[in-house]
Amino acid sequence: MVCPKCGQKSPEDSLYCENCGAPINRELPNRAPVIPQSNQQ
């Protein structure tokens, strides 16, 4: 795994980067983030 924040390599089973502590998202990298829509009109 490569940290999306700092680029440091971490073990595949890591949940957080060993270098900067950022959470490592283990989902598919091609998925777009889900942005909740507001109900304001």
N, C-alpha and C. Protein backbone atom coordinates (compact mmCIF):
# COMPACT_ATOMS: atom_id res chain seq x y z
N MET A 1 0.83 -1.19 0.00
CA MET A 1 0.00 0.00 0.00
C MET A 1 0.87 1.25 0.00
N VAL A 2 0.41 2.28 -0.68
CA VAL A 2 1.10 3.56 -0.69
C VAL A 2 0.15 4.59 -0.09
N CYS A 3 0.66 5.37 0.84
CA CYS A 3 -0.14 6.40 1.49
C CYS A 3 -0.53 7.47 0.48
N PRO A 4 -1.82 7.82 0.40
CA PRO A 4 -2.25 8.86 -0.53
C PRO A 4 -1.81 10.26 -0.10
N LYS A 5 -1.44 10.41 1.16
CA LYS A 5 -1.05 11.73 1.67
C LYS A 5 0.43 12.01 1.48
N CYS A 6 1.29 11.04 1.89
CA CYS A 6 2.74 11.30 1.84
C CYS A 6 3.48 10.41 0.85
N GLY A 7 2.84 9.35 0.33
CA GLY A 7 3.47 8.49 -0.64
C GLY A 7 4.35 7.39 -0.05
N GLN A 8 4.38 7.28 1.27
CA GLN A 8 5.19 6.26 1.95
C GLN A 8 4.58 4.88 1.75
N LYS A 9 5.41 3.89 1.48
CA LYS A 9 4.93 2.51 1.37
C LYS A 9 4.68 1.96 2.77
N SER A 10 3.57 1.24 2.91
CA SER A 10 3.20 0.61 4.18
C SER A 10 2.78 -0.83 3.89
N PRO A 11 2.83 -1.71 4.89
CA PRO A 11 2.37 -3.09 4.68
C PRO A 11 0.92 -3.12 4.22
N GLU A 12 0.57 -4.15 3.44
CA GLU A 12 -0.78 -4.26 2.87
C GLU A 12 -1.88 -4.28 3.92
N ASP A 13 -1.59 -4.76 5.12
CA ASP A 13 -2.63 -4.87 6.15
C ASP A 13 -2.71 -3.64 7.05
N SER A 14 -1.95 -2.60 6.73
CA SER A 14 -1.96 -1.39 7.56
C SER A 14 -3.25 -0.61 7.37
N LEU A 15 -3.75 -0.06 8.46
CA LEU A 15 -4.92 0.82 8.40
C LEU A 15 -4.50 2.27 8.37
N TYR A 16 -3.28 2.55 8.90
CA TYR A 16 -2.77 3.91 8.96
C TYR A 16 -1.33 3.93 8.46
N CYS A 17 -0.93 5.05 7.88
CA CYS A 17 0.43 5.21 7.39
C CYS A 17 1.41 5.22 8.55
N GLU A 18 2.49 4.46 8.41
CA GLU A 18 3.51 4.41 9.46
C GLU A 18 4.33 5.69 9.49
N ASN A 19 4.32 6.47 8.42
CA ASN A 19 5.11 7.69 8.34
C ASN A 19 4.36 8.91 8.86
N CYS A 20 3.14 9.15 8.34
CA CYS A 20 2.42 10.37 8.70
C CYS A 20 1.16 10.12 9.53
N GLY A 21 0.73 8.86 9.63
CA GLY A 21 -0.44 8.53 10.44
C GLY A 21 -1.77 8.69 9.73
N ALA A 22 -1.74 9.03 8.46
CA ALA A 22 -2.99 9.20 7.72
C ALA A 22 -3.68 7.85 7.53
N PRO A 23 -5.01 7.82 7.56
CA PRO A 23 -5.70 6.57 7.30
C PRO A 23 -5.47 6.13 5.86
N ILE A 24 -5.24 4.84 5.68
CA ILE A 24 -5.02 4.29 4.34
C ILE A 24 -6.30 3.63 3.89
N ASN A 25 -6.86 4.14 2.80
CA ASN A 25 -8.10 3.61 2.25
C ASN A 25 -7.77 2.38 1.44
N ARG A 26 -8.30 1.23 1.84
CA ARG A 26 -8.00 -0.01 1.15
C ARG A 26 -9.05 -0.37 0.12
N GLU A 27 -9.94 0.57 -0.22
CA GLU A 27 -10.93 0.32 -1.26
C GLU A 27 -10.26 0.44 -2.62
N LEU A 28 -10.99 0.11 -3.66
CA LEU A 28 -10.46 0.22 -5.00
C LEU A 28 -10.16 1.68 -5.31
N PRO A 29 -8.98 1.97 -5.86
CA PRO A 29 -8.60 3.36 -6.12
C PRO A 29 -9.44 4.02 -7.21
N ASN A 30 -10.16 3.25 -8.03
CA ASN A 30 -10.95 3.82 -9.12
C ASN A 30 -12.30 4.36 -8.67
N ARG A 31 -12.69 4.08 -7.42
CA ARG A 31 -13.98 4.55 -6.93
C ARG A 31 -13.91 6.03 -6.60
N ALA A 32 -14.92 6.75 -7.06
CA ALA A 32 -15.01 8.17 -6.73
C ALA A 32 -15.57 8.31 -5.32
N PRO A 33 -15.15 9.33 -4.59
CA PRO A 33 -15.69 9.53 -3.25
C PRO A 33 -17.18 9.86 -3.31
N VAL A 34 -17.91 9.38 -2.34
CA VAL A 34 -19.35 9.65 -2.26
C VAL A 34 -19.54 10.96 -1.53
N ILE A 35 -20.21 11.90 -2.19
CA ILE A 35 -20.45 13.21 -1.60
C ILE A 35 -21.94 13.33 -1.30
N PRO A 36 -22.30 13.44 -0.03
CA PRO A 36 -23.73 13.55 0.30
C PRO A 36 -24.33 14.83 -0.28
N GLN A 37 -25.53 14.68 -0.82
CA GLN A 37 -26.21 15.84 -1.38
C GLN A 37 -27.07 16.49 -0.30
N SER A 38 -27.07 17.81 -0.28
CA SER A 38 -27.91 18.50 0.69
C SER A 38 -29.31 18.63 0.11
N ASN A 39 -30.28 18.78 1.00
CA ASN A 39 -31.66 18.91 0.57
C ASN A 39 -32.10 20.37 0.52
N GLN A 40 -31.16 21.28 0.57
CA GLN A 40 -31.50 22.70 0.51
C GLN A 40 -31.89 23.08 -0.90
N GLN A 41 -32.93 23.91 -1.00
CA GLN A 41 -33.38 24.36 -2.31
C GLN A 41 -33.56 25.84 -2.34
